[in-house]
Amino acid sequence: MAASMKDSDAQVTYEDQQKINRFARTNSRLMDFKEELAAKEKEFENLKDAEDELLMAEGDSDVVPYPF
C-alpha cells in the first residue's frame, strides 16, 4: 500500500492548501494561548501563595516588613 501511494502524487487544490494553512496558523495560535494560559495560572498560584504568606504574617504583628 505504501508503494502505491508513492507512485501517485497527491493533488492538492489551491483551496485545500489555503484551508491547510489556515488550520496550521489557527493551531499555532491555540498552542501559544495554551502556553500563555499555563504561565498565567502559575503566576496566579504564586500570587495566591504570597497572599497566604501575608495573611499568616499579619496575624503575628501589625506591621508587614516591606523593603523600600
PDB file of N, CA and C in Angstrom:
ATOM      1  N   MET A   1       0.819  -1.184   0.000  1.00  0.00           N
ATOM      2  CA  MET A   1       0.000   0.000   0.000  1.00  0.00           C
ATOM      3  C   MET A   1       0.865   1.251   0.000  1.00  0.00           C
ATOM      4  N   ALA A   2       1.968   1.220   0.710  1.00  0.00           N
ATOM      5  CA  ALA A   2       2.854   2.373   0.740  1.00  0.00           C
ATOM      6  C   ALA A   2       3.457   2.623  -0.630  1.00  0.00           C
ATOM      7  N   ALA A   3       3.710   1.565  -1.369  1.00  0.00           N
ATOM      8  CA  ALA A   3       4.281   1.722  -2.704  1.00  0.00           C
ATOM      9  C   ALA A   3       3.283   2.369  -3.643  1.00  0.00           C
ATOM     10  N   SER A   4       2.012   2.055  -3.497  1.00  0.00           N
ATOM     11  CA  SER A   4       1.010   2.659  -4.378  1.00  0.00           C
ATOM     12  C   SER A   4       0.855   4.145  -4.086  1.00  0.00           C
ATOM     13  N   MET A   5       1.012   4.552  -2.836  1.00  0.00           N
ATOM     14  CA  MET A   5       0.941   5.977  -2.506  1.00  0.00           C
ATOM     15  C   MET A   5       2.149   6.712  -3.070  1.00  0.00           C
ATOM     16  N   LYS A   6       3.286   6.065  -3.118  1.00  0.00           N
ATOM     17  CA  LYS A   6       4.488   6.704  -3.629  1.00  0.00           C
ATOM     18  C   LYS A   6       4.411   6.907  -5.135  1.00  0.00           C
ATOM     19  N   ASP A   7       3.757   5.977  -5.826  1.00  0.00           N
ATOM     20  CA  ASP A   7       3.668   6.064  -7.277  1.00  0.00           C
ATOM     21  C   ASP A   7       2.767   7.208  -7.733  1.00  0.00           C
ATOM     22  N   SER A   8       1.747   7.523  -6.962  1.00  0.00           N
ATOM     23  CA  SER A   8       0.848   8.600  -7.375  1.00  0.00           C
ATOM     24  C   SER A   8       1.090   9.822  -6.495  1.00  0.00           C
ATOM     25  N   ASP A   9       1.199  10.959  -7.123  1.00  0.00           N
ATOM     26  CA  ASP A   9       1.365  12.206  -6.388  1.00  0.00           C
ATOM     27  C   ASP A   9       0.000  12.672  -5.902  1.00  0.00           C
ATOM     28  N   ALA A  10      -0.056  13.122  -4.675  1.00  0.00           N
ATOM     29  CA  ALA A  10      -1.304  13.639  -4.138  1.00  0.00           C
ATOM     30  C   ALA A  10      -1.543  15.023  -4.721  1.00  0.00           C
ATOM     31  N   GLN A  11      -2.717  15.214  -5.245  1.00  0.00           N
ATOM     32  CA  GLN A  11      -3.079  16.503  -5.821  1.00  0.00           C
ATOM     33  C   GLN A  11      -3.787  17.337  -4.755  1.00  0.00           C
ATOM     34  N   VAL A  12      -3.256  18.507  -4.505  1.00  0.00           N
ATOM     35  CA  VAL A  12      -3.839  19.412  -3.523  1.00  0.00           C
ATOM     36  C   VAL A  12      -4.250  20.670  -4.260  1.00  0.00           C
ATOM     37  N   THR A  13      -5.520  21.008  -4.151  1.00  0.00           N
ATOM     38  CA  THR A  13      -6.000  22.212  -4.824  1.00  0.00           C
ATOM     39  C   THR A  13      -5.573  23.441  -4.038  1.00  0.00           C
ATOM     40  N   TYR A  14      -5.666  24.583  -4.684  1.00  0.00           N
ATOM     41  CA  TYR A  14      -5.314  25.850  -4.042  1.00  0.00           C
ATOM     42  C   TYR A  14      -6.197  26.076  -2.814  1.00  0.00           C
ATOM     43  N   GLU A  15      -7.482  25.790  -2.943  1.00  0.00           N
ATOM     44  CA  GLU A  15      -8.411  25.982  -1.833  1.00  0.00           C
ATOM     45  C   GLU A  15      -8.068  25.060  -0.661  1.00  0.00           C
ATOM     46  N   ASP A  16      -7.722  23.813  -0.985  1.00  0.00           N
ATOM     47  CA  ASP A  16      -7.326  22.883   0.071  1.00  0.00           C
ATOM     48  C   ASP A  16      -6.058  23.358   0.775  1.00  0.00           C
ATOM     49  N   GLN A  17      -5.112  23.862   0.015  1.00  0.00           N
ATOM     50  CA  GLN A  17      -3.867  24.354   0.613  1.00  0.00           C
ATOM     51  C   GLN A  17      -4.144  25.556   1.499  1.00  0.00           C
ATOM     52  N   GLN A  18      -5.068  26.419   1.084  1.00  0.00           N
ATOM     53  CA  GLN A  18      -5.435  27.572   1.908  1.00  0.00           C
ATOM     54  C   GLN A  18      -6.053  27.099   3.225  1.00  0.00           C
ATOM     55  N   LYS A  19      -6.891  26.077   3.156  1.00  0.00           N
ATOM     56  CA  LYS A  19      -7.500  25.540   4.376  1.00  0.00           C
ATOM     57  C   LYS A  19      -6.446  24.915   5.288  1.00  0.00           C
ATOM     58  N   ILE A  20      -5.511  24.215   4.696  1.00  0.00           N
ATOM     59  CA  ILE A  20      -4.424  23.608   5.476  1.00  0.00           C
ATOM     60  C   ILE A  20      -3.603  24.696   6.164  1.00  0.00           C
ATOM     61  N   ASN A  21      -3.283  25.747   5.437  1.00  0.00           N
ATOM     62  CA  ASN A  21      -2.504  26.852   6.003  1.00  0.00           C
ATOM     63  C   ASN A  21      -3.271  27.551   7.119  1.00  0.00           C
ATOM     64  N   ARG A  22      -4.569  27.759   6.899  1.00  0.00           N
ATOM     65  CA  ARG A  22      -5.389  28.419   7.917  1.00  0.00           C
ATOM     66  C   ARG A  22      -5.431  27.560   9.183  1.00  0.00           C
ATOM     67  N   PHE A  23      -5.607  26.257   9.005  1.00  0.00           N
ATOM     68  CA  PHE A  23      -5.608  25.351  10.154  1.00  0.00           C
ATOM     69  C   PHE A  23      -4.279  25.417  10.899  1.00  0.00           C
ATOM     70  N   ALA A  24      -3.186  25.421  10.171  1.00  0.00           N
ATOM     71  CA  ALA A  24      -1.861  25.454  10.801  1.00  0.00           C
ATOM     72  C   ALA A  24      -1.677  26.737  11.607  1.00  0.00           C
ATOM     73  N   ARG A  25      -2.098  27.869  11.037  1.00  0.00           N
ATOM     74  CA  ARG A  25      -1.980  29.143  11.764  1.00  0.00           C
ATOM     75  C   ARG A  25      -2.856  29.145  13.013  1.00  0.00           C
ATOM     76  N   THR A  26      -4.091  28.663  12.865  1.00  0.00           N
ATOM     77  CA  THR A  26      -5.009  28.629  13.998  1.00  0.00           C
ATOM     78  C   THR A  26      -4.496  27.689  15.083  1.00  0.00           C
ATOM     79  N   ASN A  27      -3.992  26.550  14.685  1.00  0.00           N
ATOM     80  CA  ASN A  27      -3.445  25.595  15.646  1.00  0.00           C
ATOM     81  C   ASN A  27      -2.231  26.176  16.364  1.00  0.00           C
ATOM     82  N   SER A  28      -1.408  26.907  15.645  1.00  0.00           N
ATOM     83  CA  SER A  28      -0.238  27.546  16.248  1.00  0.00           C
ATOM     84  C   SER A  28      -0.672  28.578  17.291  1.00  0.00           C
ATOM     85  N   ARG A  29      -1.697  29.364  16.953  1.00  0.00           N
ATOM     86  CA  ARG A  29      -2.212  30.348  17.909  1.00  0.00           C
ATOM     87  C   ARG A  29      -2.771  29.654  19.145  1.00  0.00           C
ATOM     88  N   LEU A  30      -3.462  28.529  18.933  1.00  0.00           N
ATOM     89  CA  LEU A  30      -4.012  27.777  20.053  1.00  0.00           C
ATOM     90  C   LEU A  30      -2.899  27.322  20.991  1.00  0.00           C
ATOM     91  N   MET A  31      -1.823  26.817  20.439  1.00  0.00           N
ATOM     92  CA  MET A  31      -0.697  26.370  21.262  1.00  0.00           C
ATOM     93  C   MET A  31      -0.095  27.548  22.026  1.00  0.00           C
ATOM     94  N   ASP A  32       0.011  28.713  21.363  1.00  0.00           N
ATOM     95  CA  ASP A  32       0.525  29.906  22.040  1.00  0.00           C
ATOM     96  C   ASP A  32      -0.381  30.307  23.197  1.00  0.00           C
ATOM     97  N   PHE A  33      -1.707  30.264  22.967  1.00  0.00           N
ATOM     98  CA  PHE A  33      -2.651  30.616  24.025  1.00  0.00           C
ATOM     99  C   PHE A  33      -2.578  29.633  25.187  1.00  0.00           C
ATOM    100  N   LYS A  34      -2.386  28.365  24.892  1.00  0.00           N
ATOM    101  CA  LYS A  34      -2.266  27.370  25.959  1.00  0.00           C
ATOM    102  C   LYS A  34      -1.022  27.617  26.797  1.00  0.00           C
ATOM    103  N   GLU A  35       0.084  27.973  26.147  1.00  0.00           N
ATOM    104  CA  GLU A  35       1.316  28.281  26.882  1.00  0.00           C
ATOM    105  C   GLU A  35       1.131  29.525  27.739  1.00  0.00           C
ATOM    106  N   GLU A  36       0.468  30.538  27.179  1.00  0.00           N
ATOM    107  CA  GLU A  36       0.224  31.772  27.921  1.00  0.00           C
ATOM    108  C   GLU A  36      -0.692  31.503  29.113  1.00  0.00           C
ATOM    109  N   LEU A  37      -1.707  30.679  28.910  1.00  0.00           N
ATOM    110  CA  LEU A  37      -2.616  30.328  29.998  1.00  0.00           C
ATOM    111  C   LEU A  37      -1.872  29.610  31.118  1.00  0.00           C
ATOM    112  N   ALA A  38      -1.010  28.693  30.768  1.00  0.00           N
ATOM    113  CA  ALA A  38      -0.234  27.968  31.778  1.00  0.00           C
ATOM    114  C   ALA A  38       0.648  28.933  32.574  1.00  0.00           C
ATOM    115  N   ALA A  39       1.247  29.893  31.895  1.00  0.00           N
ATOM    116  CA  ALA A  39       2.090  30.877  32.581  1.00  0.00           C
ATOM    117  C   ALA A  39       1.248  31.744  33.517  1.00  0.00           C
ATOM    118  N   LYS A  40       0.064  32.149  33.052  1.00  0.00           N
ATOM    119  CA  LYS A  40      -0.816  32.978  33.890  1.00  0.00           C
ATOM    120  C   LYS A  40      -1.316  32.187  35.099  1.00  0.00           C
ATOM    121  N   GLU A  41      -1.624  30.906  34.902  1.00  0.00           N
ATOM    122  CA  GLU A  41      -2.058  30.080  36.027  1.00  0.00           C
ATOM    123  C   GLU A  41      -0.942  29.937  37.054  1.00  0.00           C
ATOM    124  N   LYS A  42       0.282  29.785  36.599  1.00  0.00           N
ATOM    125  CA  LYS A  42       1.429  29.688  37.511  1.00  0.00           C
ATOM    126  C   LYS A  42       1.598  30.998  38.284  1.00  0.00           C
ATOM    127  N   GLU A  43       1.481  32.118  37.576  1.00  0.00           N
ATOM    128  CA  GLU A  43       1.590  33.426  38.234  1.00  0.00           C
ATOM    129  C   GLU A  43       0.476  33.598  39.266  1.00  0.00           C
ATOM    130  N   PHE A  44      -0.730  33.171  38.911  1.00  0.00           N
ATOM    131  CA  PHE A  44      -1.862  33.261  39.832  1.00  0.00           C
ATOM    132  C   PHE A  44      -1.608  32.444  41.095  1.00  0.00           C
ATOM    133  N   GLU A  45      -1.092  31.233  40.934  1.00  0.00           N
ATOM    134  CA  GLU A  45      -0.772  30.395  42.087  1.00  0.00           C
ATOM    135  C   GLU A  45       0.284  31.060  42.965  1.00  0.00           C
ATOM    136  N   ASN A  46       1.285  31.663  42.342  1.00  0.00           N
ATOM    137  CA  ASN A  46       2.331  32.356  43.108  1.00  0.00           C
ATOM    138  C   ASN A  46       1.743  33.525  43.893  1.00  0.00           C
ATOM    139  N   LEU A  47       0.822  34.255  43.266  1.00  0.00           N
ATOM    140  CA  LEU A  47       0.192  35.380  43.957  1.00  0.00           C
ATOM    141  C   LEU A  47      -0.693  34.901  45.109  1.00  0.00           C
ATOM    142  N   LYS A  48      -1.389  33.792  44.914  1.00  0.00           N
ATOM    143  CA  LYS A  48      -2.199  33.238  46.000  1.00  0.00           C
ATOM    144  C   LYS A  48      -1.311  32.809  47.157  1.00  0.00           C
ATOM    145  N   ASP A  49      -0.173  32.208  46.851  1.00  0.00           N
ATOM    146  CA  ASP A  49       0.766  31.807  47.899  1.00  0.00           C
ATOM    147  C   ASP A  49       1.295  33.026  48.646  1.00  0.00           C
ATOM    148  N   ALA A  50       1.595  34.087  47.909  1.00  0.00           N
ATOM    149  CA  ALA A  50       2.083  35.317  48.542  1.00  0.00           C
ATOM    150  C   ALA A  50       1.006  35.915  49.438  1.00  0.00           C
ATOM    151  N   GLU A  51      -0.237  35.878  48.979  1.00  0.00           N
ATOM    152  CA  GLU A  51      -1.340  36.388  49.794  1.00  0.00           C
ATOM    153  C   GLU A  51      -1.461  35.591  51.089  1.00  0.00           C
ATOM    154  N   ASP A  52      -1.374  34.279  50.979  1.00  0.00           N
ATOM    155  CA  ASP A  52      -1.458  33.432  52.169  1.00  0.00           C
ATOM    156  C   ASP A  52      -0.325  33.743  53.143  1.00  0.00           C
ATOM    157  N   GLU A  53       0.868  33.934  52.620  1.00  0.00           N
ATOM    158  CA  GLU A  53       2.008  34.271  53.477  1.00  0.00           C
ATOM    159  C   GLU A  53       1.781  35.602  54.183  1.00  0.00           C
ATOM    160  N   LEU A  54       1.241  36.586  53.460  1.00  0.00           N
ATOM    161  CA  LEU A  54       0.975  37.885  54.081  1.00  0.00           C
ATOM    162  C   LEU A  54      -0.101  37.772  55.155  1.00  0.00           C
ATOM    163  N   LEU A  55      -1.121  36.977  54.892  1.00  0.00           N
ATOM    164  CA  LEU A  55      -2.177  36.815  55.889  1.00  0.00           C
ATOM    165  C   LEU A  55      -1.652  36.120  57.136  1.00  0.00           C
ATOM    166  N   MET A  56      -0.773  35.147  56.968  1.00  0.00           N
ATOM    167  CA  MET A  56      -0.187  34.476  58.130  1.00  0.00           C
ATOM    168  C   MET A  56       0.738  35.424  58.881  1.00  0.00           C
ATOM    169  N   ALA A  57       1.486  36.232  58.174  1.00  0.00           N
ATOM    170  CA  ALA A  57       2.396  37.174  58.827  1.00  0.00           C
ATOM    171  C   ALA A  57       1.614  38.286  59.507  1.00  0.00           C
ATOM    172  N   GLU A  58       0.458  38.615  58.973  1.00  0.00           N
ATOM    173  CA  GLU A  58      -0.367  39.673  59.534  1.00  0.00           C
ATOM    174  C   GLU A  58      -0.846  39.302  60.936  1.00  0.00           C
ATOM    175  N   GLY A  59      -1.084  38.036  61.165  1.00  0.00           N
ATOM    176  CA  GLY A  59      -1.518  37.594  62.487  1.00  0.00           C
ATOM    177  C   GLY A  59      -0.427  37.733  63.528  1.00  0.00           C
ATOM    178  N   ASP A  60       0.835  37.693  63.116  1.00  0.00           N
ATOM    179  CA  ASP A  60       1.950  37.791  64.052  1.00  0.00           C
ATOM    180  C   ASP A  60       2.174  39.214  64.533  1.00  0.00           C
ATOM    181  N   SER A  61       2.020  40.172  63.649  1.00  0.00           N
ATOM    182  CA  SER A  61       2.233  41.569  64.030  1.00  0.00           C
ATOM    183  C   SER A  61       1.389  42.457  63.126  1.00  0.00           C
ATOM    184  N   ASP A  62       1.298  43.719  63.492  1.00  0.00           N
ATOM    185  CA  ASP A  62       0.503  44.657  62.703  1.00  0.00           C
ATOM    186  C   ASP A  62       1.280  45.230  61.530  1.00  0.00           C
ATOM    187  N   VAL A  63       2.599  45.093  61.549  1.00  0.00           N
ATOM    188  CA  VAL A  63       3.430  45.670  60.500  1.00  0.00           C
ATOM    189  C   VAL A  63       3.959  44.548  59.612  1.00  0.00           C
ATOM    190  N   VAL A  64       3.786  44.730  58.309  1.00  0.00           N
ATOM    191  CA  VAL A  64       4.317  43.768  57.350  1.00  0.00           C
ATOM    192  C   VAL A  64       5.621  44.331  56.817  1.00  0.00           C
ATOM    193  N   PRO A  65       6.730  43.639  57.004  1.00  0.00           N
ATOM    194  CA  PRO A  65       8.007  44.172  56.521  1.00  0.00           C
ATOM    195  C   PRO A  65       8.019  44.246  54.995  1.00  0.00           C
ATOM    196  N   TYR A  66       8.394  45.398  54.497  1.00  0.00           N
ATOM    197  CA  TYR A  66       8.483  45.606  53.052  1.00  0.00           C
ATOM    198  C   TYR A  66       9.697  46.474  52.776  1.00  0.00           C
ATOM    199  N   PRO A  67      10.623  45.984  51.962  1.00  0.00           N
ATOM    200  CA  PRO A  67      11.834  46.784  51.694  1.00  0.00           C
ATOM    201  C   PRO A  67      11.524  47.964  50.768  1.00  0.00           C
ATOM    202  N   PHE A  68      12.078  49.105  51.104  1.00  0.00           N
ATOM    203  CA  PHE A  68      11.911  50.299  50.262  1.00  0.00           C
ATOM    204  C   PHE A  68      13.195  50.632  49.588  1.00  0.00           C
TER     205      PHE A  68
END
